[in-house]
Amino acid sequence: MIAELPGVTEESLRLAVQGSRLVIDAGDAAHHYHTSAALPPVDVSSLHASIKNGVLEATFKCLPGAPADT
């Protein structure tokens, strides 16, 4: 999953998985973002996230048997 979050730093980024959704809450007083995205069947513990120049990239490992292109 890739999201543009201008002005957000790693320190102000909070990610959580709630059910089958990735919840993004990020920002400070000047920039604030709150959104969510549906996830295919994934290993929640495999979440790896990085943010560089306001672009968030979050990756997960798909669960066995789950379609790889969802």
PDB file of N, CA and C in Angstrom:
ATOM      1  N   MET A   1       0.845  -1.147   0.000  1.00  0.00           N
ATOM      2  CA  MET A   1       0.000   0.000   0.000  1.00  0.00           C
ATOM      3  C   MET A   1       0.899   1.221   0.000  1.00  0.00           C
ATOM      4  N   ILE A   2       0.593   2.180  -0.842  1.00  0.00           N
ATOM      5  CA  ILE A   2       1.347   3.426  -0.919  1.00  0.00           C
ATOM      6  C   ILE A   2       0.369   4.578  -0.724  1.00  0.00           C
ATOM      7  N   ALA A   3       0.772   5.547   0.116  1.00  0.00           N
ATOM      8  CA  ALA A   3      -0.073   6.718   0.361  1.00  0.00           C
ATOM      9  C   ALA A   3       0.796   7.966   0.426  1.00  0.00           C
ATOM     10  N   GLU A   4       0.299   9.038  -0.134  1.00  0.00           N
ATOM     11  CA  GLU A   4       0.985  10.322  -0.051  1.00  0.00           C
ATOM     12  C   GLU A   4       0.499  11.049   1.202  1.00  0.00           C
ATOM     13  N   LEU A   5       1.446  11.404   2.068  1.00  0.00           N
ATOM     14  CA  LEU A   5       1.135  12.098   3.318  1.00  0.00           C
ATOM     15  C   LEU A   5       2.103  13.275   3.465  1.00  0.00           C
ATOM     16  N   PRO A   6       1.914  14.336   2.692  1.00  0.00           N
ATOM     17  CA  PRO A   6       2.850  15.466   2.738  1.00  0.00           C
ATOM     18  C   PRO A   6       3.015  16.030   4.147  1.00  0.00           C
ATOM     19  N   GLY A   7       4.253  16.272   4.525  1.00  0.00           N
ATOM     20  CA  GLY A   7       4.551  16.872   5.819  1.00  0.00           C
ATOM     21  C   GLY A   7       4.635  15.892   6.969  1.00  0.00           C
ATOM     22  N   VAL A   8       4.355  14.609   6.732  1.00  0.00           N
ATOM     23  CA  VAL A   8       4.364  13.615   7.807  1.00  0.00           C
ATOM     24  C   VAL A   8       5.759  13.017   7.955  1.00  0.00           C
ATOM     25  N   THR A   9       6.179  12.858   9.201  1.00  0.00           N
ATOM     26  CA  THR A   9       7.457  12.218   9.502  1.00  0.00           C
ATOM     27  C   THR A   9       7.205  10.864  10.152  1.00  0.00           C
ATOM     28  N   GLU A  10       8.244  10.067  10.248  1.00  0.00           N
ATOM     29  CA  GLU A  10       8.111   8.754  10.877  1.00  0.00           C
ATOM     30  C   GLU A  10       7.627   8.881  12.320  1.00  0.00           C
ATOM     31  N   GLU A  11       8.049   9.928  13.008  1.00  0.00           N
ATOM     32  CA  GLU A  11       7.670  10.129  14.405  1.00  0.00           C
ATOM     33  C   GLU A  11       6.185  10.436  14.573  1.00  0.00           C
ATOM     34  N   SER A  12       5.560  11.010  13.556  1.00  0.00           N
ATOM     35  CA  SER A  12       4.148  11.382  13.675  1.00  0.00           C
ATOM     36  C   SER A  12       3.213  10.393  12.980  1.00  0.00           C
ATOM     37  N   LEU A  13       3.747   9.242  12.564  1.00  0.00           N
ATOM     38  CA  LEU A  13       2.970   8.225  11.855  1.00  0.00           C
ATOM     39  C   LEU A  13       2.536   7.129  12.807  1.00  0.00           C
ATOM     40  N   ARG A  14       1.232   6.812  12.777  1.00  0.00           N
ATOM     41  CA  ARG A  14       0.692   5.714  13.588  1.00  0.00           C
ATOM     42  C   ARG A  14      -0.132   4.815  12.680  1.00  0.00           C
ATOM     43  N   LEU A  15       0.229   3.532  12.664  1.00  0.00           N
ATOM     44  CA  LEU A  15      -0.484   2.548  11.856  1.00  0.00           C
ATOM     45  C   LEU A  15      -1.070   1.492  12.772  1.00  0.00           C
ATOM     46  N   ALA A  16      -2.256   1.018  12.436  1.00  0.00           N
ATOM     47  CA  ALA A  16      -2.897  -0.048  13.209  1.00  0.00           C
ATOM     48  C   ALA A  16      -3.725  -0.896  12.257  1.00  0.00           C
ATOM     49  N   VAL A  17      -3.824  -2.173  12.565  1.00  0.00           N
ATOM     50  CA  VAL A  17      -4.709  -3.052  11.800  1.00  0.00           C
ATOM     51  C   VAL A  17      -5.927  -3.320  12.671  1.00  0.00           C
ATOM     52  N   GLN A  18      -7.095  -3.002  12.130  1.00  0.00           N
ATOM     53  CA  GLN A  18      -8.360  -3.248  12.822  1.00  0.00           C
ATOM     54  C   GLN A  18      -9.194  -4.136  11.917  1.00  0.00           C
ATOM     55  N   GLY A  19      -9.339  -5.393  12.310  1.00  0.00           N
ATOM     56  CA  GLY A  19     -10.041  -6.345  11.461  1.00  0.00           C
ATOM     57  C   GLY A  19      -9.268  -6.557  10.180  1.00  0.00           C
ATOM     58  N   SER A  20      -9.896  -6.255   9.059  1.00  0.00           N
ATOM     59  CA  SER A  20      -9.229  -6.407   7.765  1.00  0.00           C
ATOM     60  C   SER A  20      -8.922  -5.045   7.135  1.00  0.00           C
ATOM     61  N   ARG A  21      -8.661  -4.040   7.983  1.00  0.00           N
ATOM     62  CA  ARG A  21      -8.347  -2.694   7.497  1.00  0.00           C
ATOM     63  C   ARG A  21      -7.058  -2.182   8.122  1.00  0.00           C
ATOM     64  N   LEU A  22      -6.273  -1.494   7.314  1.00  0.00           N
ATOM     65  CA  LEU A  22      -5.104  -0.785   7.805  1.00  0.00           C
ATOM     66  C   LEU A  22      -5.541   0.645   8.088  1.00  0.00           C
ATOM     67  N   VAL A  23      -5.368   1.085   9.327  1.00  0.00           N
ATOM     68  CA  VAL A  23      -5.770   2.438   9.734  1.00  0.00           C
ATOM     69  C   VAL A  23      -4.514   3.300   9.822  1.00  0.00           C
ATOM     70  N   ILE A  24      -4.559   4.431   9.130  1.00  0.00           N
ATOM     71  CA  ILE A  24      -3.450   5.381   9.107  1.00  0.00           C
ATOM     72  C   ILE A  24      -3.887   6.631   9.854  1.00  0.00           C
ATOM     73  N   ASP A  25      -3.139   6.992  10.868  1.00  0.00           N
ATOM     74  CA  ASP A  25      -3.371   8.217  11.627  1.00  0.00           C
ATOM     75  C   ASP A  25      -2.014   8.890  11.723  1.00  0.00           C
ATOM     76  N   ALA A  26      -1.892  10.074  11.167  1.00  0.00           N
ATOM     77  CA  ALA A  26      -0.578  10.701  11.103  1.00  0.00           C
ATOM     78  C   ALA A  26      -0.698  12.210  11.120  1.00  0.00           C
ATOM     79  N   GLY A  27       0.388  12.833  11.529  1.00  0.00           N
ATOM     80  CA  GLY A  27       0.475  14.269  11.423  1.00  0.00           C
ATOM     81  C   GLY A  27       0.639  14.978  12.742  1.00  0.00           C
ATOM     82  N   ASP A  28       0.580  16.294  12.634  1.00  0.00           N
ATOM     83  CA  ASP A  28       0.716  17.184  13.781  1.00  0.00           C
ATOM     84  C   ASP A  28      -0.338  18.282  13.635  1.00  0.00           C
ATOM     85  N   ALA A  29      -0.143  19.372  14.311  1.00  0.00           N
ATOM     86  CA  ALA A  29      -1.140  20.448  14.265  1.00  0.00           C
ATOM     87  C   ALA A  29      -1.283  21.045  12.858  1.00  0.00           C
ATOM     88  N   ALA A  30      -0.204  21.059  12.084  1.00  0.00           N
ATOM     89  CA  ALA A  30      -0.239  21.653  10.744  1.00  0.00           C
ATOM     90  C   ALA A  30      -0.766  20.692   9.678  1.00  0.00           C
ATOM     91  N   HIS A  31      -0.474  19.408   9.817  1.00  0.00           N
ATOM     92  CA  HIS A  31      -0.894  18.397   8.839  1.00  0.00           C
ATOM     93  C   HIS A  31      -1.464  17.212   9.598  1.00  0.00           C
ATOM     94  N   HIS A  32      -2.704  16.839   9.307  1.00  0.00           N
ATOM     95  CA  HIS A  32      -3.278  15.671   9.976  1.00  0.00           C
ATOM     96  C   HIS A  32      -4.012  14.808   8.961  1.00  0.00           C
ATOM     97  N   TYR A  33      -3.777  13.512   9.039  1.00  0.00           N
ATOM     98  CA  TYR A  33      -4.406  12.557   8.132  1.00  0.00           C
ATOM     99  C   TYR A  33      -4.982  11.415   8.947  1.00  0.00           C
ATOM    100  N   HIS A  34      -6.175  10.985   8.578  1.00  0.00           N
ATOM    101  CA  HIS A  34      -6.786   9.806   9.185  1.00  0.00           C
ATOM    102  C   HIS A  34      -7.579   9.112   8.094  1.00  0.00           C
ATOM    103  N   THR A  35      -7.175   7.902   7.756  1.00  0.00           N
ATOM    104  CA  THR A  35      -7.852   7.136   6.712  1.00  0.00           C
ATOM    105  C   THR A  35      -7.628   5.657   6.959  1.00  0.00           C
ATOM    106  N   SER A  36      -8.279   4.832   6.176  1.00  0.00           N
ATOM    107  CA  SER A  36      -8.075   3.395   6.287  1.00  0.00           C
ATOM    108  C   SER A  36      -8.160   2.777   4.900  1.00  0.00           C
ATOM    109  N   ALA A  37      -7.604   1.576   4.788  1.00  0.00           N
ATOM    110  CA  ALA A  37      -7.617   0.851   3.516  1.00  0.00           C
ATOM    111  C   ALA A  37      -7.909  -0.614   3.790  1.00  0.00           C
ATOM    112  N   ALA A  38      -8.707  -1.225   2.922  1.00  0.00           N
ATOM    113  CA  ALA A  38      -9.018  -2.646   3.057  1.00  0.00           C
ATOM    114  C   ALA A  38      -7.782  -3.477   2.746  1.00  0.00           C
ATOM    115  N   LEU A  39      -7.614  -4.554   3.498  1.00  0.00           N
ATOM    116  CA  LEU A  39      -6.491  -5.461   3.291  1.00  0.00           C
ATOM    117  C   LEU A  39      -6.988  -6.820   2.815  1.00  0.00           C
ATOM    118  N   PRO A  40      -6.229  -7.456   1.925  1.00  0.00           N
ATOM    119  CA  PRO A  40      -6.523  -8.848   1.607  1.00  0.00           C
ATOM    120  C   PRO A  40      -6.068  -9.698   2.799  1.00  0.00           C
ATOM    121  N   PRO A  41      -6.244 -11.009   2.772  1.00  0.00           N
ATOM    122  CA  PRO A  41      -5.744 -11.846   3.873  1.00  0.00           C
ATOM    123  C   PRO A  41      -4.213 -11.748   3.967  1.00  0.00           C
ATOM    124  N   VAL A  42      -3.728 -11.151   5.055  1.00  0.00           N
ATOM    125  CA  VAL A  42      -2.285 -10.944   5.232  1.00  0.00           C
ATOM    126  C   VAL A  42      -1.864 -11.360   6.631  1.00  0.00           C
ATOM    127  N   ASP A  43      -0.552 -11.544   6.789  1.00  0.00           N
ATOM    128  CA  ASP A  43       0.042 -11.793   8.094  1.00  0.00           C
ATOM    129  C   ASP A  43       0.262 -10.422   8.741  1.00  0.00           C
ATOM    130  N   VAL A  44      -0.583 -10.064   9.677  1.00  0.00           N
ATOM    131  CA  VAL A  44      -0.543  -8.737  10.301  1.00  0.00           C
ATOM    132  C   VAL A  44       0.810  -8.468  10.952  1.00  0.00           C
ATOM    133  N   SER A  45       1.426  -9.494  11.519  1.00  0.00           N
ATOM    134  CA  SER A  45       2.713  -9.298  12.196  1.00  0.00           C
ATOM    135  C   SER A  45       3.852  -9.009  11.220  1.00  0.00           C
ATOM    136  N   SER A  46       3.614  -9.167   9.922  1.00  0.00           N
ATOM    137  CA  SER A  46       4.664  -8.920   8.932  1.00  0.00           C
ATOM    138  C   SER A  46       4.690  -7.476   8.444  1.00  0.00           C
ATOM    139  N   LEU A  47       3.868  -6.610   9.024  1.00  0.00           N
ATOM    140  CA  LEU A  47       3.811  -5.214   8.582  1.00  0.00           C
ATOM    141  C   LEU A  47       5.192  -4.581   8.600  1.00  0.00           C
ATOM    142  N   HIS A  48       5.564  -4.007   7.473  1.00  0.00           N
ATOM    143  CA  HIS A  48       6.791  -3.209   7.367  1.00  0.00           C
ATOM    144  C   HIS A  48       6.379  -1.885   6.735  1.00  0.00           C
ATOM    145  N   ALA A  49       6.681  -0.798   7.399  1.00  0.00           N
ATOM    146  CA  ALA A  49       6.299   0.518   6.887  1.00  0.00           C
ATOM    147  C   ALA A  49       7.504   1.437   6.859  1.00  0.00           C
ATOM    148  N   SER A  50       7.554   2.265   5.826  1.00  0.00           N
ATOM    149  CA  SER A  50       8.582   3.291   5.746  1.00  0.00           C
ATOM    150  C   SER A  50       7.943   4.537   5.135  1.00  0.00           C
ATOM    151  N   ILE A  51       8.459   5.681   5.537  1.00  0.00           N
ATOM    152  CA  ILE A  51       7.974   6.936   4.975  1.00  0.00           C
ATOM    153  C   ILE A  51       9.180   7.775   4.585  1.00  0.00           C
ATOM    154  N   LYS A  52       9.150   8.278   3.361  1.00  0.00           N
ATOM    155  CA  LYS A  52      10.251   9.094   2.860  1.00  0.00           C
ATOM    156  C   LYS A  52       9.654  10.186   1.987  1.00  0.00           C
ATOM    157  N   ASN A  53      10.016  11.411   2.278  1.00  0.00           N
ATOM    158  CA  ASN A  53       9.522  12.564   1.527  1.00  0.00           C
ATOM    159  C   ASN A  53       7.995  12.590   1.444  1.00  0.00           C
ATOM    160  N   GLY A  54       7.331  12.205   2.530  1.00  0.00           N
ATOM    161  CA  GLY A  54       5.881  12.256   2.584  1.00  0.00           C
ATOM    162  C   GLY A  54       5.167  11.127   1.868  1.00  0.00           C
ATOM    163  N   VAL A  55       5.905  10.084   1.459  1.00  0.00           N
ATOM    164  CA  VAL A  55       5.294   8.936   0.792  1.00  0.00           C
ATOM    165  C   VAL A  55       5.427   7.719   1.709  1.00  0.00           C
ATOM    166  N   LEU A  56       4.286   7.177   2.122  1.00  0.00           N
ATOM    167  CA  LEU A  56       4.245   6.004   2.982  1.00  0.00           C
ATOM    168  C   LEU A  56       4.170   4.754   2.130  1.00  0.00           C
ATOM    169  N   GLU A  57       5.002   3.770   2.451  1.00  0.00           N
ATOM    170  CA  GLU A  57       4.914   2.455   1.818  1.00  0.00           C
ATOM    171  C   GLU A  57       4.758   1.435   2.931  1.00  0.00           C
ATOM    172  N   ALA A  58       3.636   0.714   2.921  1.00  0.00           N
ATOM    173  CA  ALA A  58       3.366  -0.320   3.918  1.00  0.00           C
ATOM    174  C   ALA A  58       3.212  -1.650   3.188  1.00  0.00           C
ATOM    175  N   THR A  59       3.950  -2.667   3.654  1.00  0.00           N
ATOM    176  CA  THR A  59       3.885  -3.975   3.006  1.00  0.00           C
ATOM    177  C   THR A  59       3.581  -5.047   4.047  1.00  0.00           C
ATOM    178  N   PHE A  60       2.939  -6.104   3.582  1.00  0.00           N
ATOM    179  CA  PHE A  60       2.606  -7.273   4.387  1.00  0.00           C
ATOM    180  C   PHE A  60       2.944  -8.517   3.581  1.00  0.00           C
ATOM    181  N   LYS A  61       3.101  -9.646   4.258  1.00  0.00           N
ATOM    182  CA  LYS A  61       3.202 -10.931   3.585  1.00  0.00           C
ATOM    183  C   LYS A  61       1.793 -11.488   3.450  1.00  0.00           C
ATOM    184  N   CYS A  62       1.474 -11.998   2.252  1.00  0.00           N
ATOM    185  CA  CYS A  62       0.169 -12.622   2.037  1.00  0.00           C
ATOM    186  C   CYS A  62       0.121 -13.948   2.782  1.00  0.00           C
ATOM    187  N   LEU A  63      -1.037 -14.310   3.258  1.00  0.00           N
ATOM    188  CA  LEU A  63      -1.227 -15.604   3.884  1.00  0.00           C
ATOM    189  C   LEU A  63      -1.250 -16.698   2.835  1.00  0.00           C
ATOM    190  N   PRO A  64      -0.797 -17.904   3.175  1.00  0.00           N
ATOM    191  CA  PRO A  64      -0.822 -19.012   2.210  1.00  0.00           C
ATOM    192  C   PRO A  64      -2.235 -19.235   1.681  1.00  0.00           C
ATOM    193  N   GLY A  65      -2.342 -19.407   0.374  1.00  0.00           N
ATOM    194  CA  GLY A  65      -3.638 -19.645  -0.236  1.00  0.00           C
ATOM    195  C   GLY A  65      -4.374 -18.375  -0.627  1.00  0.00           C
ATOM    196  N   ALA A  66      -3.891 -17.214  -0.187  1.00  0.00           N
ATOM    197  CA  ALA A  66      -4.522 -15.948  -0.552  1.00  0.00           C
ATOM    198  C   ALA A  66      -4.038 -15.514  -1.928  1.00  0.00           C
ATOM    199  N   PRO A  67      -4.904 -14.965  -2.759  1.00  0.00           N
ATOM    200  CA  PRO A  67      -4.462 -14.480  -4.074  1.00  0.00           C
ATOM    201  C   PRO A  67      -3.393 -13.412  -3.893  1.00  0.00           C
ATOM    202  N   ALA A  68      -2.297 -13.519  -4.628  1.00  0.00           N
ATOM    203  CA  ALA A  68      -1.166 -12.596  -4.473  1.00  0.00           C
ATOM    204  C   ALA A  68      -1.437 -11.230  -5.089  1.00  0.00           C
ATOM    205  N   ASP A  69      -2.420 -11.103  -5.964  1.00  0.00           N
ATOM    206  CA  ASP A  69      -2.632  -9.831  -6.656  1.00  0.00           C
ATOM    207  C   ASP A  69      -3.842  -9.059  -6.152  1.00  0.00           C
ATOM    208  N   THR A  70      -4.300  -9.320  -4.911  1.00  0.00           N
ATOM    209  CA  THR A  70      -5.426  -8.559  -4.374  1.00  0.00           C
ATOM    210  C   THR A  70      -4.949  -7.396  -3.572  1.00  0.00           C
TER     211      THR A  70
END
